[in-house]
PDB file of all heavy atoms in Angstrom:
ATOM      1  N   ASP A   1      -5.517  -7.074   2.251  1.00  0.00           N
ATOM      2  CA  ASP A   1      -5.852  -8.290   1.501  1.00  0.00           C
ATOM      3  C   ASP A   1      -5.878  -8.084  -0.005  1.00  0.00           C
ATOM      4  O   ASP A   1      -5.697  -9.038  -0.764  1.00  0.00           O
ATOM      5  CB  ASP A   1      -7.220  -8.831   1.952  1.00  0.00           C
ATOM      6  CG  ASP A   1      -7.191  -9.317   3.387  1.00  0.00           C
ATOM      7  OD1 ASP A   1      -6.072  -9.491   3.906  1.00  0.00           O
ATOM      8  OD2 ASP A   1      -8.263  -9.510   3.980  1.00  0.00           O
ATOM      9  N   ILE A   2      -6.103  -6.860  -0.448  1.00  0.00           N
ATOM     10  CA  ILE A   2      -6.238  -6.620  -1.880  1.00  0.00           C
ATOM     11  C   ILE A   2      -4.929  -6.180  -2.539  1.00  0.00           C
ATOM     12  O   ILE A   2      -4.826  -6.121  -3.761  1.00  0.00           O
ATOM     13  CB  ILE A   2      -7.355  -5.572  -2.149  1.00  0.00           C
ATOM     14  CG1 ILE A   2      -7.883  -5.714  -3.581  1.00  0.00           C
ATOM     15  CG2 ILE A   2      -6.851  -4.154  -1.898  1.00  0.00           C
ATOM     16  CD1 ILE A   2      -9.076  -4.827  -3.876  1.00  0.00           C
ATOM     17  N   LEU A   3      -3.923  -5.901  -1.746  1.00  0.00           N
ATOM     18  CA  LEU A   3      -2.661  -5.396  -2.303  1.00  0.00           C
ATOM     19  C   LEU A   3      -1.992  -6.396  -3.239  1.00  0.00           C
ATOM     20  O   LEU A   3      -1.415  -6.020  -4.261  1.00  0.00           O
ATOM     21  CB  LEU A   3      -1.695  -5.019  -1.180  1.00  0.00           C
ATOM     22  CG  LEU A   3      -2.114  -3.829  -0.299  1.00  0.00           C
ATOM     23  CD1 LEU A   3      -1.046  -3.568   0.757  1.00  0.00           C
ATOM     24  CD2 LEU A   3      -2.353  -2.574  -1.141  1.00  0.00           C
ATOM     25  N   SER A   4      -2.064  -7.686  -2.907  1.00  0.00           N
ATOM     26  CA  SER A   4      -1.448  -8.699  -3.769  1.00  0.00           C
ATOM     27  C   SER A   4      -2.111  -8.740  -5.141  1.00  0.00           C
ATOM     28  O   SER A   4      -1.475  -9.083  -6.145  1.00  0.00           O
ATOM     29  CB  SER A   4      -1.508 -10.070  -3.113  1.00  0.00           C
ATOM     30  OG  SER A   4      -2.863 -10.430  -2.855  1.00  0.00           O
ATOM     31  N   PHE A   5      -3.406  -8.368  -5.215  1.00  0.00           N
ATOM     32  CA  PHE A   5      -4.107  -8.311  -6.502  1.00  0.00           C
ATOM     33  C   PHE A   5      -3.486  -7.248  -7.404  1.00  0.00           C
ATOM     34  O   PHE A   5      -3.274  -7.464  -8.596  1.00  0.00           O
ATOM     35  CB  PHE A   5      -5.596  -8.007  -6.279  1.00  0.00           C
ATOM     36  CG  PHE A   5      -6.307  -7.575  -7.523  1.00  0.00           C
ATOM     37  CD1 PHE A   5      -6.615  -8.492  -8.518  1.00  0.00           C
ATOM     38  CD2 PHE A   5      -6.660  -6.248  -7.718  1.00  0.00           C
ATOM     39  CE1 PHE A   5      -7.259  -8.095  -9.674  1.00  0.00           C
ATOM     40  CE2 PHE A   5      -7.308  -5.841  -8.860  1.00  0.00           C
ATOM     41  CZ  PHE A   5      -7.609  -6.752  -9.845  1.00  0.00           C
ATOM     42  N   PHE A   6      -3.174  -6.084  -6.835  1.00  0.00           N
ATOM     43  CA  PHE A   6      -2.555  -5.028  -7.638  1.00  0.00           C
ATOM     44  C   PHE A   6      -1.175  -5.464  -8.151  1.00  0.00           C
ATOM     45  O   PHE A   6      -0.756  -5.087  -9.232  1.00  0.00           O
ATOM     46  CB  PHE A   6      -2.415  -3.744  -6.820  1.00  0.00           C
ATOM     47  CG  PHE A   6      -3.715  -3.066  -6.551  1.00  0.00           C
ATOM     48  CD1 PHE A   6      -4.198  -2.940  -5.259  1.00  0.00           C
ATOM     49  CD2 PHE A   6      -4.476  -2.543  -7.583  1.00  0.00           C
ATOM     50  CE1 PHE A   6      -5.410  -2.316  -5.010  1.00  0.00           C
ATOM     51  CE2 PHE A   6      -5.681  -1.917  -7.341  1.00  0.00           C
ATOM     52  CZ  PHE A   6      -6.159  -1.800  -6.055  1.00  0.00           C
ATOM     53  N   SER A   7      -0.488  -6.296  -7.366  1.00  0.00           N
ATOM     54  CA  SER A   7       0.816  -6.786  -7.780  1.00  0.00           C
ATOM     55  C   SER A   7       0.695  -7.780  -8.931  1.00  0.00           C
ATOM     56  O   SER A   7       1.402  -7.683  -9.934  1.00  0.00           O
ATOM     57  CB  SER A   7       1.529  -7.442  -6.594  1.00  0.00           C
ATOM     58  OG  SER A   7       2.740  -8.017  -6.986  1.00  0.00           O
ATOM     59  N   SER A   8      -0.228  -8.740  -8.813  1.00  0.00           N
ATOM     60  CA  SER A   8      -0.354  -9.788  -9.827  1.00  0.00           C
ATOM     61  C   SER A   8      -1.063  -9.304 -11.089  1.00  0.00           C
ATOM     62  O   SER A   8      -0.663  -9.634 -12.200  1.00  0.00           O
ATOM     63  CB  SER A   8      -1.087 -10.995  -9.239  1.00  0.00           C
ATOM     64  OG  SER A   8      -2.390 -10.616  -8.802  1.00  0.00           O
ATOM     65  N   ALA A   9      -2.108  -8.504 -10.928  1.00  0.00           N
ATOM     66  CA  ALA A   9      -2.905  -8.089 -12.084  1.00  0.00           C
ATOM     67  C   ALA A   9      -2.315  -6.872 -12.806  1.00  0.00           C
ATOM     68  O   ALA A   9      -2.397  -6.765 -14.030  1.00  0.00           O
ATOM     69  CB  ALA A   9      -4.340  -7.776 -11.644  1.00  0.00           C
ATOM     70  N   PHE A  10      -1.701  -5.964 -12.062  1.00  0.00           N
ATOM     71  CA  PHE A  10      -1.223  -4.715 -12.661  1.00  0.00           C
ATOM     72  C   PHE A  10       0.298  -4.557 -12.625  1.00  0.00           C
ATOM     73  O   PHE A  10       0.834  -3.597 -13.174  1.00  0.00           O
ATOM     74  CB  PHE A  10      -1.853  -3.518 -11.934  1.00  0.00           C
ATOM     75  CG  PHE A  10      -3.327  -3.399 -12.154  1.00  0.00           C
ATOM     76  CD1 PHE A  10      -4.232  -4.000 -11.285  1.00  0.00           C
ATOM     77  CD2 PHE A  10      -3.819  -2.681 -13.229  1.00  0.00           C
ATOM     78  CE1 PHE A  10      -5.592  -3.889 -11.481  1.00  0.00           C
ATOM     79  CE2 PHE A  10      -5.187  -2.561 -13.442  1.00  0.00           C
ATOM     80  CZ  PHE A  10      -6.078  -3.166 -12.571  1.00  0.00           C
ATOM     81  N   GLY A  11       0.987  -5.509 -11.950  1.00  0.00           N
ATOM     82  CA  GLY A  11       2.443  -5.434 -11.907  1.00  0.00           C
ATOM     83  C   GLY A  11       2.981  -4.308 -11.042  1.00  0.00           C
ATOM     84  O   GLY A  11       4.103  -3.827 -11.266  1.00  0.00           O
ATOM     85  N   VAL A  12       2.195  -3.881 -10.049  1.00  0.00           N
ATOM     86  CA  VAL A  12       2.665  -2.813  -9.156  1.00  0.00           C
ATOM     87  C   VAL A  12       3.793  -3.356  -8.280  1.00  0.00           C
ATOM     88  O   VAL A  12       3.676  -4.428  -7.689  1.00  0.00           O
ATOM     89  CB  VAL A  12       1.511  -2.286  -8.268  1.00  0.00           C
ATOM     90  CG1 VAL A  12       2.045  -1.250  -7.274  1.00  0.00           C
ATOM     91  CG2 VAL A  12       0.416  -1.681  -9.133  1.00  0.00           C
ATOM     92  N   LYS A  13       4.895  -2.634  -8.223  1.00  0.00           N
ATOM     93  CA  LYS A  13       6.035  -3.091  -7.427  1.00  0.00           C
ATOM     94  C   LYS A  13       5.737  -2.948  -5.940  1.00  0.00           C
ATOM     95  O   LYS A  13       4.998  -2.049  -5.522  1.00  0.00           O
ATOM     96  CB  LYS A  13       7.300  -2.324  -7.802  1.00  0.00           C
ATOM     97  CG  LYS A  13       7.181  -0.831  -7.700  1.00  0.00           C
ATOM     98  CD  LYS A  13       8.290  -0.152  -8.497  1.00  0.00           C
ATOM     99  CE  LYS A  13       8.040   1.352  -8.576  1.00  0.00           C
ATOM    100  NZ  LYS A  13       8.884   2.009  -9.571  1.00  0.00           N
ATOM    101  N   ALA A  14       6.347  -3.831  -5.160  1.00  0.00           N
ATOM    102  CA  ALA A  14       6.081  -3.845  -3.727  1.00  0.00           C
ATOM    103  C   ALA A  14       6.650  -2.621  -3.029  1.00  0.00           C
ATOM    104  O   ALA A  14       6.006  -2.027  -2.162  1.00  0.00           O
ATOM    105  CB  ALA A  14       6.638  -5.120  -3.106  1.00  0.00           C
ATOM    106  N   ASN A  15       7.868  -2.237  -3.403  1.00  0.00           N
ATOM    107  CA  ASN A  15       8.549  -1.127  -2.746  1.00  0.00           C
ATOM    108  C   ASN A  15       9.215  -0.232  -3.787  1.00  0.00           C
ATOM    109  O   ASN A  15       9.437  -0.656  -4.924  1.00  0.00           O
ATOM    110  CB  ASN A  15       9.620  -1.662  -1.787  1.00  0.00           C
ATOM    111  CG  ASN A  15       9.049  -2.535  -0.687  1.00  0.00           C
ATOM    112  OD1 ASN A  15       8.390  -2.039   0.222  1.00  0.00           O
ATOM    113  ND2 ASN A  15       9.294  -3.840  -0.772  1.00  0.00           N
ATOM    114  N   PRO A  16       9.551   0.989  -3.437  1.00  0.00           N
ATOM    115  CA  PRO A  16      10.260   1.872  -4.378  1.00  0.00           C
ATOM    116  C   PRO A  16      11.564   1.231  -4.858  1.00  0.00           C
ATOM    117  O   PRO A  16      12.263   0.563  -4.100  1.00  0.00           O
ATOM    118  CB  PRO A  16      10.526   3.134  -3.543  1.00  0.00           C
ATOM    119  CG  PRO A  16       9.456   3.121  -2.499  1.00  0.00           C
ATOM    120  CD  PRO A  16       9.234   1.676  -2.164  1.00  0.00           C
ATOM    121  N   SER A  17      11.885   1.439  -6.128  1.00  0.00           N
ATOM    122  CA  SER A  17      13.070   0.845  -6.734  1.00  0.00           C
ATOM    123  C   SER A  17      14.267   1.796  -6.623  1.00  0.00           C
ATOM    124  O   SER A  17      14.139   2.943  -6.181  1.00  0.00           O
ATOM    125  CB  SER A  17      12.803   0.547  -8.206  1.00  0.00           C
ATOM    126  OG  SER A  17      12.589   1.778  -8.912  1.00  0.00           O
ATOM    127  N   LEU A  18      15.412   1.321  -7.080  1.00  0.00           N
ATOM    128  CA  LEU A  18      16.612   2.156  -7.108  1.00  0.00           C
ATOM    129  C   LEU A  18      16.390   3.394  -7.971  1.00  0.00           C
ATOM    130  O   LEU A  18      16.816   4.494  -7.621  1.00  0.00           O
ATOM    131  CB  LEU A  18      17.792   1.337  -7.639  1.00  0.00           C
ATOM    132  CG  LEU A  18      19.108   2.093  -7.834  1.00  0.00           C
ATOM    133  CD1 LEU A  18      19.616   2.676  -6.520  1.00  0.00           C
ATOM    134  CD2 LEU A  18      20.160   1.169  -8.459  1.00  0.00           C
ATOM    135  N   ASP A  19      15.715   3.219  -9.095  1.00  0.00           N
ATOM    136  CA  ASP A  19      15.419   4.375  -9.950  1.00  0.00           C
ATOM    137  C   ASP A  19      14.570   5.402  -9.207  1.00  0.00           C
ATOM    138  O   ASP A  19      14.776   6.615  -9.356  1.00  0.00           O
ATOM    139  CB  ASP A  19      14.686   3.907 -11.224  1.00  0.00           C
ATOM    140  CG  ASP A  19      15.576   3.065 -12.109  1.00  0.00           C
ATOM    141  OD1 ASP A  19      16.462   3.637 -12.773  1.00  0.00           O
ATOM    142  OD2 ASP A  19      15.403   1.832 -12.123  1.00  0.00           O
ATOM    143  N   ASP A  20      13.604   4.919  -8.431  1.00  0.00           N
ATOM    144  CA  ASP A  20      12.765   5.835  -7.651  1.00  0.00           C
ATOM    145  C   ASP A  20      13.605   6.610  -6.634  1.00  0.00           C
ATOM    146  O   ASP A  20      13.402   7.813  -6.435  1.00  0.00           O
ATOM    147  CB  ASP A  20      11.661   5.054  -6.924  1.00  0.00           C
ATOM    148  CG  ASP A  20      10.660   4.427  -7.873  1.00  0.00           C
ATOM    149  OD1 ASP A  20      10.335   5.071  -8.885  1.00  0.00           O
ATOM    150  OD2 ASP A  20      10.216   3.297  -7.603  1.00  0.00           O
ATOM    151  N   TYR A  21      14.538   5.917  -5.995  1.00  0.00           N
ATOM    152  CA  TYR A  21      15.404   6.586  -5.025  1.00  0.00           C
ATOM    153  C   TYR A  21      16.272   7.650  -5.700  1.00  0.00           C
ATOM    154  O   TYR A  21      16.492   8.733  -5.147  1.00  0.00           O
ATOM    155  CB  TYR A  21      16.282   5.565  -4.290  1.00  0.00           C
ATOM    156  CG  TYR A  21      15.615   4.963  -3.081  1.00  0.00           C
ATOM    157  CD1 TYR A  21      14.781   3.855  -3.185  1.00  0.00           C
ATOM    158  CD2 TYR A  21      15.804   5.501  -1.814  1.00  0.00           C
ATOM    159  CE1 TYR A  21      14.155   3.297  -2.076  1.00  0.00           C
ATOM    160  CE2 TYR A  21      15.187   4.959  -0.687  1.00  0.00           C
ATOM    161  CZ  TYR A  21      14.368   3.867  -0.826  1.00  0.00           C
ATOM    162  OH  TYR A  21      13.732   3.327   0.288  1.00  0.00           O
ATOM    163  N   CYS A  22      16.774   7.336  -6.902  1.00  0.00           N
ATOM    164  CA  CYS A  22      17.589   8.324  -7.622  1.00  0.00           C
ATOM    165  C   CYS A  22      16.753   9.542  -8.025  1.00  0.00           C
ATOM    166  O   CYS A  22      17.221  10.684  -7.933  1.00  0.00           O
ATOM    167  CB  CYS A  22      18.212   7.683  -8.863  1.00  0.00           C
ATOM    168  SG  CYS A  22      19.594   6.591  -8.485  1.00  0.00           S
ATOM    169  N   LYS A  23      15.519   9.309  -8.461  1.00  0.00           N
ATOM    170  CA  LYS A  23      14.633  10.430  -8.804  1.00  0.00           C
ATOM    171  C   LYS A  23      14.342  11.278  -7.570  1.00  0.00           C
ATOM    172  O   LYS A  23      14.296  12.518  -7.647  1.00  0.00           O
ATOM    173  CB  LYS A  23      13.325   9.895  -9.397  1.00  0.00           C
ATOM    174  CG  LYS A  23      13.474   9.297 -10.793  1.00  0.00           C
ATOM    175  CD  LYS A  23      12.169   8.674 -11.261  1.00  0.00           C
ATOM    176  CE  LYS A  23      12.355   7.980 -12.604  1.00  0.00           C
ATOM    177  NZ  LYS A  23      11.103   7.289 -13.036  1.00  0.00           N
ATOM    178  N   LEU A  24      14.155  10.616  -6.436  1.00  0.00           N
ATOM    179  CA  LEU A  24      13.900  11.341  -5.191  1.00  0.00           C
ATOM    180  C   LEU A  24      15.101  12.213  -4.835  1.00  0.00           C
ATOM    181  O   LEU A  24      14.951  13.370  -4.429  1.00  0.00           O
ATOM    182  CB  LEU A  24      13.610  10.345  -4.062  1.00  0.00           C
ATOM    183  CG  LEU A  24      13.410  10.936  -2.666  1.00  0.00           C
ATOM    184  CD1 LEU A  24      12.164  11.812  -2.630  1.00  0.00           C
ATOM    185  CD2 LEU A  24      13.317   9.825  -1.617  1.00  0.00           C
ATOM    186  N   TRP A  25      16.295  11.650  -4.987  1.00  0.00           N
ATOM    187  CA  TRP A  25      17.500  12.430  -4.665  1.00  0.00           C
ATOM    188  C   TRP A  25      17.618  13.649  -5.577  1.00  0.00           C
ATOM    189  O   TRP A  25      18.014  14.732  -5.127  1.00  0.00           O
ATOM    190  CB  TRP A  25      18.738  11.543  -4.799  1.00  0.00           C
ATOM    191  CG  TRP A  25      19.976  12.195  -4.250  1.00  0.00           C
ATOM    192  CD1 TRP A  25      20.907  12.911  -4.931  1.00  0.00           C
ATOM    193  CD2 TRP A  25      20.372  12.222  -2.878  1.00  0.00           C
ATOM    194  NE1 TRP A  25      21.882  13.369  -4.088  1.00  0.00           N
ATOM    195  CE2 TRP A  25      21.581  12.966  -2.811  1.00  0.00           C
ATOM    196  CE3 TRP A  25      19.849  11.692  -1.698  1.00  0.00           C
ATOM    197  CZ2 TRP A  25      22.259  13.182  -1.615  1.00  0.00           C
ATOM    198  CZ3 TRP A  25      20.527  11.909  -0.516  1.00  0.00           C
ATOM    199  CH2 TRP A  25      21.712  12.651  -0.475  1.00  0.00           C
ATOM    200  N   LYS A  26      17.279  13.477  -6.865  1.00  0.00           N
ATOM    201  CA  LYS A  26      17.329  14.614  -7.799  1.00  0.00           C
ATOM    202  C   LYS A  26      16.348  15.699  -7.373  1.00  0.00           C
ATOM    203  O   LYS A  26      16.633  16.897  -7.485  1.00  0.00           O
ATOM    204  CB  LYS A  26      17.016  14.153  -9.224  1.00  0.00           C
ATOM    205  CG  LYS A  26      18.043  13.222  -9.820  1.00  0.00           C
ATOM    206  CD  LYS A  26      19.418  13.864  -9.918  1.00  0.00           C
ATOM    207  CE  LYS A  26      19.465  14.998 -10.925  1.00  0.00           C
ATOM    208  NZ  LYS A  26      20.821  15.582 -11.036  1.00  0.00           N
ATOM    209  N   ILE A  27      15.194  15.306  -6.877  1.00  0.00           N
ATOM    210  CA  ILE A  27      14.213  16.281  -6.374  1.00  0.00           C
ATOM    211  C   ILE A  27      14.794  17.025  -5.182  1.00  0.00           C
ATOM    212  O   ILE A  27      14.663  18.250  -5.064  1.00  0.00           O
ATOM    213  CB  ILE A  27      12.893  15.565  -6.001  1.00  0.00           C
ATOM    214  CG1 ILE A  27      12.194  15.063  -7.258  1.00  0.00           C
ATOM    215  CG2 ILE A  27      11.975  16.503  -5.213  1.00  0.00           C
ATOM    216  CD1 ILE A  27      10.998  14.171  -6.989  1.00  0.00           C
ATOM    217  N   TRP A  28      15.455  16.284  -4.287  1.00  0.00           N
ATOM    218  CA  TRP A  28      16.096  16.928  -3.137  1.00  0.00           C
ATOM    219  C   TRP A  28      17.196  17.888  -3.585  1.00  0.00           C
ATOM    220  O   TRP A  28      17.349  18.968  -3.032  1.00  0.00           O
ATOM    221  CB  TRP A  28      16.684  15.857  -2.212  1.00  0.00           C
ATOM    222  CG  TRP A  28      15.655  15.103  -1.422  1.00  0.00           C
ATOM    223  CD1 TRP A  28      14.327  15.433  -1.279  1.00  0.00           C
ATOM    224  CD2 TRP A  28      15.850  13.908  -0.659  1.00  0.00           C
ATOM    225  NE1 TRP A  28      13.698  14.512  -0.480  1.00  0.00           N
ATOM    226  CE2 TRP A  28      14.599  13.563  -0.078  1.00  0.00           C
ATOM    227  CE3 TRP A  28      16.937  13.090  -0.407  1.00  0.00           C
ATOM    228  CZ2 TRP A  28      14.430  12.447   0.732  1.00  0.00           C
ATOM    229  CZ3 TRP A  28      16.787  11.966   0.403  1.00  0.00           C
ATOM    230  CH2 TRP A  28      15.539  11.651   0.968  1.00  0.00           C
ATOM    231  N   GLU A  29      17.966  17.483  -4.579  1.00  0.00           N
ATOM    232  CA  GLU A  29      19.031  18.351  -5.097  1.00  0.00           C
ATOM    233  C   GLU A  29      18.449  19.658  -5.623  1.00  0.00           C
ATOM    234  O   GLU A  29      18.967  20.744  -5.358  1.00  0.00           O
ATOM    235  CB  GLU A  29      19.794  17.638  -6.221  1.00  0.00           C
ATOM    236  CG  GLU A  29      20.732  16.549  -5.752  1.00  0.00           C
ATOM    237  CD  GLU A  29      21.545  15.967  -6.896  1.00  0.00           C
ATOM    238  OE1 GLU A  29      21.399  16.449  -8.042  1.00  0.00           O
ATOM    239  OE2 GLU A  29      22.343  15.040  -6.663  1.00  0.00           O
ATOM    240  N   ASP A  30      17.369  19.556  -6.396  1.00  0.00           N
ATOM    241  CA  ASP A  30      16.775  20.741  -7.023  1.00  0.00           C
ATOM    242  C   ASP A  30      16.067  21.644  -6.022  1.00  0.00           C
ATOM    243  O   ASP A  30      15.907  22.845  -6.253  1.00  0.00           O
ATOM    244  CB  ASP A  30      15.789  20.317  -8.120  1.00  0.00           C
ATOM    245  CG  ASP A  30      16.480  19.604  -9.271  1.00  0.00           C
ATOM    246  OD1 ASP A  30      17.699  19.806  -9.426  1.00  0.00           O
ATOM    247  OD2 ASP A  30      15.818  18.841  -9.990  1.00  0.00           O
ATOM    248  N   SER A  31      15.656  21.074  -4.883  1.00  0.00           N
ATOM    249  CA  SER A  31      14.891  21.860  -3.918  1.00  0.00           C
ATOM    250  C   SER A  31      15.769  22.778  -3.069  1.00  0.00           C
ATOM    251  O   SER A  31      15.286  23.759  -2.502  1.00  0.00           O
ATOM    252  CB  SER A  31      14.105  20.930  -2.988  1.00  0.00           C
ATOM    253  OG  SER A  31      14.985  20.217  -2.135  1.00  0.00           O
ATOM    254  N   ASN A  32      17.072  22.449  -2.986  1.00  0.00           N
ATOM    255  CA  ASN A  32      18.020  23.242  -2.182  1.00  0.00           C
ATOM    256  C   ASN A  32      17.588  23.382  -0.720  1.00  0.00           C
ATOM    257  O   ASN A  32      17.920  24.364  -0.056  1.00  0.00           O
ATOM    258  CB  ASN A  32      18.211  24.644  -2.781  1.00  0.00           C
ATOM    259  CG  ASN A  32      18.959  24.580  -4.094  1.00  0.00           C
ATOM    260  OD1 ASN A  32      19.911  23.816  -4.247  1.00  0.00           O
ATOM    261  ND2 ASN A  32      18.533  25.389  -5.052  1.00  0.00           N
ATOM    262  N   ARG A  33      16.838  22.417  -0.234  1.00  0.00           N
ATOM    263  CA  ARG A  33      16.401  22.487   1.161  1.00  0.00           C
ATOM    264  C   ARG A  33      17.292  21.621   2.041  1.00  0.00           C
ATOM    265  O   ARG A  33      18.007  20.743   1.558  1.00  0.00           O
ATOM    266  CB  ARG A  33      14.943  22.029   1.286  1.00  0.00           C
ATOM    267  CG  ARG A  33      14.719  20.536   1.064  1.00  0.00           C
ATOM    268  CD  ARG A  33      13.264  20.165   1.247  1.00  0.00           C
ATOM    269  NE  ARG A  33      13.001  18.750   1.036  1.00  0.00           N
ATOM    270  CZ  ARG A  33      13.115  17.816   1.968  1.00  0.00           C
ATOM    271  NH1 ARG A  33      13.476  18.153   3.187  1.00  0.00           N
ATOM    272  NH2 ARG A  33      12.843  16.552   1.691  1.00  0.00           N
ATOM    273  N   GLU A  34      17.250  21.888   3.319  1.00  0.00           N
ATOM    274  CA  GLU A  34      17.984  21.049   4.260  1.00  0.00           C
ATOM    275  C   GLU A  34      17.258  19.715   4.430  1.00  0.00           C
ATOM    276  O   GLU A  34      16.037  19.671   4.500  1.00  0.00           O
ATOM    277  CB  GLU A  34      18.112  21.757   5.612  1.00  0.00           C
ATOM    278  CG  GLU A  34      18.994  22.982   5.582  1.00  0.00           C
ATOM    279  CD  GLU A  34      19.243  23.542   6.969  1.00  0.00           C
ATOM    280  OE1 GLU A  34      18.777  22.932   7.947  1.00  0.00           O
ATOM    281  OE2 GLU A  34      19.901  24.585   7.066  1.00  0.00           O
ATOM    282  N   LEU A  35      18.023  18.664   4.475  1.00  0.00           N
ATOM    283  CA  LEU A  35      17.459  17.343   4.717  1.00  0.00           C
ATOM    284  C   LEU A  35      17.642  16.977   6.182  1.00  0.00           C
ATOM    285  O   LEU A  35      18.579  17.430   6.833  1.00  0.00           O
ATOM    286  CB  LEU A  35      18.164  16.297   3.846  1.00  0.00           C
ATOM    287  CG  LEU A  35      18.141  16.499   2.334  1.00  0.00           C
ATOM    288  CD1 LEU A  35      18.874  15.348   1.656  1.00  0.00           C
ATOM    289  CD2 LEU A  35      16.720  16.589   1.817  1.00  0.00           C
ATOM    290  N   SER A  36      16.771  16.137   6.655  1.00  0.00           N
ATOM    291  CA  SER A  36      16.926  15.673   8.038  1.00  0.00           C
ATOM    292  C   SER A  36      17.895  14.500   8.068  1.00  0.00           C
ATOM    293  O   SER A  36      18.146  13.832   7.051  1.00  0.00           O
ATOM    294  CB  SER A  36      15.572  15.228   8.599  1.00  0.00           C
ATOM    295  OG  SER A  36      15.129  14.051   7.951  1.00  0.00           O
ATOM    296  N   ASN A  37      18.429  14.244   9.233  1.00  0.00           N
ATOM    297  CA  ASN A  37      19.301  13.084   9.412  1.00  0.00           C
ATOM    298  C   ASN A  37      18.542  11.796   9.072  1.00  0.00           C
ATOM    299  O   ASN A  37      19.099  10.871   8.484  1.00  0.00           O
ATOM    300  CB  ASN A  37      19.798  13.039  10.857  1.00  0.00           C
ATOM    301  CG  ASN A  37      20.955  12.075  11.048  1.00  0.00           C
ATOM    302  OD1 ASN A  37      21.958  12.169  10.369  1.00  0.00           O
ATOM    303  ND2 ASN A  37      20.814  11.151  11.982  1.00  0.00           N
ATOM    304  N   ALA A  38      17.242  11.766   9.380  1.00  0.00           N
ATOM    305  CA  ALA A  38      16.421  10.582   9.091  1.00  0.00           C
ATOM    306  C   ALA A  38      16.289  10.350   7.592  1.00  0.00           C
ATOM    307  O   ALA A  38      16.330   9.206   7.119  1.00  0.00           O
ATOM    308  CB  ALA A  38      15.043  10.740   9.724  1.00  0.00           C
ATOM    309  N   ASP A  39      16.122  11.437   6.800  1.00  0.00           N
ATOM    310  CA  ASP A  39      16.034  11.310   5.341  1.00  0.00           C
ATOM    311  C   ASP A  39      17.306  10.676   4.782  1.00  0.00           C
ATOM    312  O   ASP A  39      17.259   9.772   3.944  1.00  0.00           O
ATOM    313  CB  ASP A  39      15.822  12.677   4.697  1.00  0.00           C
ATOM    314  CG  ASP A  39      14.415  13.209   4.902  1.00  0.00           C
ATOM    315  OD1 ASP A  39      13.502  12.402   5.162  1.00  0.00           O
ATOM    316  OD2 ASP A  39      14.220  14.437   4.808  1.00  0.00           O
TER     317      ASP A  39
END
């Protein structure tokens, strides 16, 4: 019930953005670890 307050009052995005996904991929690149098929 309080999540919508964080969106309206603080501008918190509902879901990760494209930029977030790109940053995540860069972290995966730098980690040199195997990714799962699910990832």
